Amino acid sequence: MPRLHPFVVGHVVAALVAGLAAGALMNLQATLVAGASLAAGAAVSSIVCRWKPGLDAPAWTLAPVAILANPLMLSALSFMIADADCLMGNRRGWDCIAAALAVLAAGVCLLPPFGGLLWRWWKRRRPAA
C-alpha cells in the first residue's frame, strides 16, 4: 500500500478536526456532516495540489492552491457573491442566513491547509528512524 504524503495526511486530519469542532456548536448530525464535508473537500483539494504545484512545493504556492481548490470553499465564495447585499448590510433578515453560513464555512476552510503544511514540516524535521 502506498504511503500518503505528510501534507495530505495533515490537511485531511486538520479538516476533519475543524469540521467536527465547527459542527459541535450545533448538534451531532451537524458535527458529522461538517466533519465529513470538510474532510472530503480537503481530499479533493489535496488531489488538485498533487497535480499542479506538487505536494513538495513551497508553502507560499501550496497554501493558496489548497485553499482555492477546496470545493466547499468555492461554494462558500459563490454563496457570498450571490448574497453580496447581505454581506454589505443592504439586506437583512432570515434571507441572509446562507451568506452568514458561507462566511463561517469559508473561515473554517482556511485552517486545514496550514495543518497540512505544519504536519509536512514536522515530518521533514524529524530524523528518520
N, C-alpha and C. Protein backbone atom coordinates (compact mmCIF):
# COMPACT_ATOMS: atom_id res chain seq x y z
N MET A 1 0.85 -1.18 0.00
CA MET A 1 0.00 0.00 0.00
C MET A 1 0.90 1.24 0.00
N PRO A 2 0.64 2.17 -0.89
CA PRO A 2 1.48 3.38 -0.95
C PRO A 2 1.23 4.27 0.26
N ARG A 3 2.31 4.90 0.69
CA ARG A 3 2.21 5.81 1.84
C ARG A 3 1.66 7.14 1.39
N LEU A 4 0.88 7.76 2.24
CA LEU A 4 0.34 9.07 1.94
C LEU A 4 1.37 10.15 2.26
N HIS A 5 1.36 11.18 1.48
CA HIS A 5 2.27 12.31 1.71
C HIS A 5 1.88 13.00 3.02
N PRO A 6 2.84 13.50 3.78
CA PRO A 6 2.50 14.16 5.06
C PRO A 6 1.57 15.37 4.89
N PHE A 7 1.67 16.09 3.78
CA PHE A 7 0.76 17.22 3.59
C PHE A 7 -0.68 16.74 3.48
N VAL A 8 -0.90 15.65 2.75
CA VAL A 8 -2.26 15.12 2.57
C VAL A 8 -2.82 14.66 3.92
N VAL A 9 -2.02 13.97 4.69
CA VAL A 9 -2.48 13.48 5.99
C VAL A 9 -2.83 14.66 6.90
N GLY A 10 -1.94 15.62 7.00
CA GLY A 10 -2.20 16.78 7.86
C GLY A 10 -3.38 17.60 7.40
N HIS A 11 -3.52 17.75 6.08
CA HIS A 11 -4.61 18.54 5.51
C HIS A 11 -5.96 17.89 5.82
N VAL A 12 -6.09 16.60 5.56
CA VAL A 12 -7.36 15.91 5.77
C VAL A 12 -7.69 15.80 7.25
N VAL A 13 -6.71 15.48 8.08
CA VAL A 13 -6.97 15.37 9.52
C VAL A 13 -7.33 16.73 10.12
N ALA A 14 -6.64 17.78 9.70
CA ALA A 14 -6.97 19.12 10.20
C ALA A 14 -8.36 19.53 9.75
N ALA A 15 -8.74 19.15 8.53
CA ALA A 15 -10.09 19.46 8.05
C ALA A 15 -11.15 18.70 8.86
N LEU A 16 -10.87 17.45 9.15
CA LEU A 16 -11.80 16.66 9.95
C LEU A 16 -11.98 17.25 11.34
N VAL A 17 -10.88 17.62 11.96
CA VAL A 17 -10.95 18.21 13.31
C VAL A 17 -11.67 19.55 13.29
N ALA A 18 -11.36 20.39 12.28
CA ALA A 18 -12.03 21.70 12.18
C ALA A 18 -13.52 21.53 11.93
N GLY A 19 -13.88 20.57 11.10
CA GLY A 19 -15.29 20.31 10.83
C GLY A 19 -16.03 19.78 12.04
N LEU A 20 -15.38 18.89 12.77
CA LEU A 20 -16.01 18.37 13.98
C LEU A 20 -16.18 19.47 15.02
N ALA A 21 -15.19 20.34 15.13
CA ALA A 21 -15.29 21.44 16.10
C ALA A 21 -16.36 22.44 15.69
N ALA A 22 -16.44 22.75 14.41
CA ALA A 22 -17.46 23.71 13.96
C ALA A 22 -18.86 23.12 14.08
N GLY A 23 -19.02 21.85 13.76
CA GLY A 23 -20.33 21.22 13.85
C GLY A 23 -20.76 20.96 15.28
N ALA A 24 -19.81 20.83 16.17
CA ALA A 24 -20.14 20.56 17.57
C ALA A 24 -20.88 21.72 18.22
N LEU A 25 -20.84 22.88 17.61
CA LEU A 25 -21.57 24.02 18.15
C LEU A 25 -23.08 23.85 17.99
N MET A 26 -23.51 22.92 17.11
CA MET A 26 -24.94 22.73 16.87
C MET A 26 -25.45 21.42 17.46
N ASN A 27 -25.25 20.31 16.76
CA ASN A 27 -25.72 19.01 17.26
C ASN A 27 -24.89 17.90 16.63
N LEU A 28 -25.22 16.65 16.94
CA LEU A 28 -24.44 15.51 16.47
C LEU A 28 -24.49 15.38 14.96
N GLN A 29 -25.66 15.56 14.37
CA GLN A 29 -25.78 15.44 12.91
C GLN A 29 -24.94 16.50 12.21
N ALA A 30 -24.98 17.73 12.69
CA ALA A 30 -24.17 18.79 12.10
C ALA A 30 -22.69 18.52 12.28
N THR A 31 -22.32 17.92 13.41
CA THR A 31 -20.93 17.58 13.65
C THR A 31 -20.42 16.58 12.63
N LEU A 32 -21.20 15.53 12.39
CA LEU A 32 -20.80 14.51 11.42
C LEU A 32 -20.78 15.04 9.99
N VAL A 33 -21.78 15.82 9.63
CA VAL A 33 -21.84 16.37 8.27
C VAL A 33 -20.70 17.36 8.04
N ALA A 34 -20.46 18.24 8.98
CA ALA A 34 -19.39 19.23 8.82
C ALA A 34 -18.02 18.55 8.76
N GLY A 35 -17.79 17.57 9.62
CA GLY A 35 -16.52 16.86 9.59
C GLY A 35 -16.29 16.11 8.30
N ALA A 36 -17.32 15.40 7.84
CA ALA A 36 -17.20 14.65 6.59
C ALA A 36 -17.06 15.58 5.39
N SER A 37 -17.80 16.68 5.38
CA SER A 37 -17.73 17.62 4.25
C SER A 37 -16.36 18.26 4.14
N LEU A 38 -15.84 18.72 5.26
CA LEU A 38 -14.52 19.35 5.22
C LEU A 38 -13.42 18.35 4.89
N ALA A 39 -13.52 17.14 5.39
CA ALA A 39 -12.51 16.13 5.07
C ALA A 39 -12.56 15.75 3.60
N ALA A 40 -13.75 15.61 3.04
CA ALA A 40 -13.88 15.29 1.61
C ALA A 40 -13.36 16.44 0.75
N GLY A 41 -13.68 17.67 1.13
CA GLY A 41 -13.16 18.82 0.40
C GLY A 41 -11.64 18.91 0.46
N ALA A 42 -11.07 18.56 1.61
CA ALA A 42 -9.62 18.57 1.74
C ALA A 42 -8.99 17.47 0.90
N ALA A 43 -9.65 16.34 0.79
CA ALA A 43 -9.12 15.25 -0.05
C ALA A 43 -9.11 15.66 -1.52
N VAL A 44 -10.18 16.29 -1.97
CA VAL A 44 -10.22 16.78 -3.35
C VAL A 44 -9.16 17.85 -3.57
N SER A 45 -9.03 18.74 -2.62
CA SER A 45 -8.02 19.79 -2.71
C SER A 45 -6.62 19.21 -2.75
N SER A 46 -6.37 18.15 -1.99
CA SER A 46 -5.05 17.51 -2.00
C SER A 46 -4.75 16.86 -3.34
N ILE A 47 -5.77 16.31 -3.98
CA ILE A 47 -5.57 15.73 -5.31
C ILE A 47 -5.19 16.81 -6.31
N VAL A 48 -5.87 17.95 -6.23
CA VAL A 48 -5.52 19.07 -7.12
C VAL A 48 -4.12 19.57 -6.83
N CYS A 49 -3.77 19.67 -5.56
CA CYS A 49 -2.42 20.14 -5.19
C CYS A 49 -1.35 19.17 -5.66
N ARG A 50 -1.63 17.90 -5.64
CA ARG A 50 -0.67 16.92 -6.13
C ARG A 50 -0.44 17.10 -7.62
N TRP A 51 -1.49 17.47 -8.33
CA TRP A 51 -1.42 17.60 -9.78
C TRP A 51 -0.64 18.85 -10.19
N LYS A 52 -1.02 20.01 -9.67
CA LYS A 52 -0.43 21.23 -10.21
C LYS A 52 0.82 21.74 -9.49
N PRO A 53 0.74 22.24 -8.25
CA PRO A 53 2.02 22.73 -7.72
C PRO A 53 2.91 21.61 -7.19
N GLY A 54 2.33 20.47 -6.90
CA GLY A 54 3.10 19.37 -6.30
C GLY A 54 3.05 19.48 -4.79
N LEU A 55 3.05 18.35 -4.13
CA LEU A 55 2.92 18.34 -2.67
C LEU A 55 4.18 18.79 -1.96
N ASP A 56 5.30 18.83 -2.66
CA ASP A 56 6.54 19.31 -2.07
C ASP A 56 6.85 20.75 -2.48
N ALA A 57 5.87 21.44 -3.03
CA ALA A 57 6.05 22.84 -3.45
C ALA A 57 6.23 23.72 -2.21
N PRO A 58 6.81 24.91 -2.40
CA PRO A 58 6.93 25.83 -1.26
C PRO A 58 5.55 26.19 -0.69
N ALA A 59 5.54 26.51 0.58
CA ALA A 59 4.28 26.79 1.27
C ALA A 59 3.53 27.97 0.66
N TRP A 60 4.24 28.96 0.16
CA TRP A 60 3.57 30.14 -0.39
C TRP A 60 2.85 29.82 -1.71
N THR A 61 3.18 28.73 -2.38
CA THR A 61 2.43 28.33 -3.57
C THR A 61 1.42 27.24 -3.26
N LEU A 62 1.71 26.40 -2.29
CA LEU A 62 0.83 25.28 -1.98
C LEU A 62 -0.41 25.72 -1.20
N ALA A 63 -0.27 26.62 -0.26
CA ALA A 63 -1.40 27.02 0.59
C ALA A 63 -2.52 27.69 -0.21
N PRO A 64 -2.24 28.67 -1.10
CA PRO A 64 -3.36 29.26 -1.85
C PRO A 64 -4.07 28.27 -2.76
N VAL A 65 -3.32 27.36 -3.36
CA VAL A 65 -3.96 26.36 -4.22
C VAL A 65 -4.81 25.42 -3.38
N ALA A 66 -4.31 25.03 -2.21
CA ALA A 66 -5.08 24.14 -1.34
C ALA A 66 -6.35 24.81 -0.85
N ILE A 67 -6.30 26.10 -0.60
CA ILE A 67 -7.50 26.81 -0.15
C ILE A 67 -8.50 26.96 -1.27
N LEU A 68 -8.04 27.39 -2.43
CA LEU A 68 -8.96 27.68 -3.54
C LEU A 68 -9.41 26.45 -4.30
N ALA A 69 -8.75 25.31 -4.13
CA ALA A 69 -9.16 24.09 -4.80
C ALA A 69 -10.19 23.31 -4.00
N ASN A 70 -10.48 23.74 -2.80
CA ASN A 70 -11.46 23.06 -1.96
C ASN A 70 -12.86 23.37 -2.49
N PRO A 71 -13.65 22.35 -2.88
CA PRO A 71 -14.99 22.62 -3.40
C PRO A 71 -15.90 23.33 -2.40
N LEU A 72 -15.71 23.07 -1.12
CA LEU A 72 -16.52 23.75 -0.11
C LEU A 72 -16.21 25.24 -0.06
N MET A 73 -14.94 25.59 -0.23
CA MET A 73 -14.55 27.00 -0.27
C MET A 73 -15.12 27.67 -1.51
N LEU A 74 -15.07 26.99 -2.64
CA LEU A 74 -15.62 27.56 -3.87
C LEU A 74 -17.12 27.78 -3.76
N SER A 75 -17.83 26.84 -3.16
CA SER A 75 -19.27 27.04 -3.00
C SER A 75 -19.57 28.14 -1.99
N ALA A 76 -18.76 28.25 -0.94
CA ALA A 76 -18.96 29.33 0.02
C ALA A 76 -18.71 30.69 -0.62
N LEU A 77 -17.68 30.79 -1.44
CA LEU A 77 -17.42 32.05 -2.15
C LEU A 77 -18.55 32.40 -3.11
N SER A 78 -19.09 31.38 -3.78
CA SER A 78 -20.20 31.67 -4.70
C SER A 78 -21.45 32.11 -3.95
N PHE A 79 -21.72 31.52 -2.79
CA PHE A 79 -22.85 31.99 -1.98
C PHE A 79 -22.63 33.43 -1.51
N MET A 80 -21.40 33.76 -1.15
CA MET A 80 -21.12 35.13 -0.71
C MET A 80 -21.28 36.13 -1.84
N ILE A 81 -20.88 35.74 -3.04
CA ILE A 81 -21.05 36.63 -4.20
C ILE A 81 -22.53 36.79 -4.52
N ALA A 82 -23.28 35.69 -4.45
CA ALA A 82 -24.71 35.75 -4.76
C ALA A 82 -25.47 36.60 -3.74
N ASP A 83 -25.07 36.55 -2.50
CA ASP A 83 -25.75 37.32 -1.44
C ASP A 83 -24.89 38.48 -0.96
N ALA A 84 -24.27 39.17 -1.88
CA ALA A 84 -23.40 40.28 -1.52
C ALA A 84 -24.15 41.39 -0.80
N ASP A 85 -25.44 41.57 -1.12
CA ASP A 85 -26.23 42.59 -0.45
C ASP A 85 -26.33 42.32 1.06
N CYS A 86 -26.40 41.07 1.42
CA CYS A 86 -26.46 40.71 2.85
C CYS A 86 -25.15 41.03 3.54
N LEU A 87 -24.04 40.75 2.87
CA LEU A 87 -22.74 40.99 3.47
C LEU A 87 -22.42 42.48 3.57
N MET A 88 -22.98 43.26 2.67
CA MET A 88 -22.76 44.71 2.69
C MET A 88 -23.68 45.41 3.68
N GLY A 89 -24.71 44.71 4.14
CA GLY A 89 -25.64 45.30 5.07
C GLY A 89 -26.83 45.97 4.41
N ASN A 90 -26.97 45.83 3.10
CA ASN A 90 -28.10 46.43 2.39
C ASN A 90 -29.38 45.63 2.58
N ARG A 91 -29.27 44.35 2.88
CA ARG A 91 -30.43 43.49 3.09
C ARG A 91 -30.22 42.73 4.38
N ARG A 92 -31.28 42.54 5.14
CA ARG A 92 -31.19 41.86 6.42
C ARG A 92 -32.33 40.88 6.56
N GLY A 93 -32.22 40.04 7.57
CA GLY A 93 -33.30 39.09 7.86
C GLY A 93 -32.88 37.66 7.63
N TRP A 94 -33.88 36.78 7.67
CA TRP A 94 -33.63 35.36 7.53
C TRP A 94 -33.17 34.99 6.12
N ASP A 95 -33.38 35.86 5.16
CA ASP A 95 -32.92 35.59 3.80
C ASP A 95 -31.40 35.60 3.71
N CYS A 96 -30.73 36.11 4.70
CA CYS A 96 -29.28 36.23 4.69
C CYS A 96 -28.57 35.12 5.46
N ILE A 97 -29.31 34.09 5.86
CA ILE A 97 -28.69 33.01 6.64
C ILE A 97 -27.68 32.24 5.80
N ALA A 98 -27.92 32.08 4.50
CA ALA A 98 -26.98 31.36 3.64
C ALA A 98 -25.66 32.12 3.54
N ALA A 99 -25.72 33.43 3.46
CA ALA A 99 -24.49 34.23 3.39
C ALA A 99 -23.72 34.14 4.70
N ALA A 100 -24.42 34.13 5.82
CA ALA A 100 -23.75 34.02 7.12
C ALA A 100 -23.07 32.65 7.26
N LEU A 101 -23.74 31.60 6.84
CA LEU A 101 -23.14 30.27 6.90
C LEU A 101 -21.99 30.14 5.91
N ALA A 102 -22.07 30.83 4.79
CA ALA A 102 -20.98 30.80 3.80
C ALA A 102 -19.73 31.47 4.37
N VAL A 103 -19.91 32.54 5.11
CA VAL A 103 -18.76 33.20 5.74
C VAL A 103 -18.13 32.26 6.77
N LEU A 104 -18.94 31.57 7.54
CA LEU A 104 -18.44 30.60 8.51
C LEU A 104 -17.69 29.47 7.81
N ALA A 105 -18.27 28.94 6.75
CA ALA A 105 -17.64 27.83 6.02
C ALA A 105 -16.32 28.27 5.39
N ALA A 106 -16.29 29.47 4.83
CA ALA A 106 -15.04 29.96 4.23
C ALA A 106 -13.96 30.15 5.28
N GLY A 107 -14.35 30.62 6.44
CA GLY A 107 -13.38 30.79 7.52
C GLY A 107 -12.82 29.46 8.00
N VAL A 108 -13.67 28.46 8.09
CA VAL A 108 -13.22 27.14 8.53
C VAL A 108 -12.34 26.49 7.46
N CYS A 109 -12.61 26.78 6.18
CA CYS A 109 -11.82 26.21 5.09
C CYS A 109 -10.41 26.79 5.02
N LEU A 110 -10.16 27.89 5.67
CA LEU A 110 -8.82 28.48 5.66
C LEU A 110 -7.82 27.73 6.55
N LEU A 111 -8.31 27.01 7.55
CA LEU A 111 -7.43 26.38 8.53
C LEU A 111 -6.73 25.09 8.06
N PRO A 112 -7.41 24.14 7.43
CA PRO A 112 -6.79 22.84 7.15
C PRO A 112 -5.51 22.86 6.32
N PRO A 113 -5.35 23.71 5.29
CA PRO A 113 -4.07 23.68 4.57
C PRO A 113 -2.87 23.99 5.46
N PHE A 114 -3.06 24.83 6.44
CA PHE A 114 -1.96 25.14 7.34
C PHE A 114 -1.66 23.97 8.28
N GLY A 115 -2.68 23.17 8.59
CA GLY A 115 -2.43 21.93 9.32
C GLY A 115 -1.61 20.96 8.48
N GLY A 116 -1.90 20.91 7.18
CA GLY A 116 -1.11 20.07 6.29
C GLY A 116 0.33 20.54 6.17
N LEU A 117 0.50 21.84 6.06
CA LEU A 117 1.86 22.39 5.97
C LEU A 117 2.62 22.16 7.27
N LEU A 118 1.93 22.30 8.39
CA LEU A 118 2.58 22.08 9.69
C LEU A 118 3.00 20.61 9.84
N TRP A 119 2.12 19.70 9.45
CA TRP A 119 2.47 18.29 9.55
C TRP A 119 3.60 17.93 8.59
N ARG A 120 3.61 18.49 7.39
CA ARG A 120 4.70 18.25 6.44
C ARG A 120 6.02 18.76 7.01
N TRP A 121 6.00 19.94 7.61
CA TRP A 121 7.20 20.49 8.23
C TRP A 121 7.69 19.60 9.37
N TRP A 122 6.76 19.13 10.20
CA TRP A 122 7.10 18.31 11.34
C TRP A 122 7.74 16.98 10.89
N LYS A 123 7.17 16.37 9.86
CA LYS A 123 7.71 15.11 9.38
C LYS A 123 9.07 15.28 8.71
N ARG A 124 9.31 16.41 8.10
CA ARG A 124 10.60 16.66 7.44
C ARG A 124 11.70 16.93 8.45
N ARG A 125 11.38 17.55 9.56
CA ARG A 125 12.42 17.94 10.51
C ARG A 125 12.82 16.81 11.43
N ARG A 126 11.98 15.81 11.54
CA ARG A 126 12.30 14.68 12.42
C ARG A 126 13.31 13.77 11.74
N PRO A 127 14.31 13.30 12.46
CA PRO A 127 15.28 12.39 11.85
C PRO A 127 14.64 11.04 11.56
N ALA A 128 15.03 10.45 10.44
CA ALA A 128 14.49 9.14 10.06
C ALA A 128 15.01 8.07 11.03
N ALA A 129 14.14 7.15 11.35
CA ALA A 129 14.50 6.09 12.30
C ALA A 129 15.38 5.04 11.64
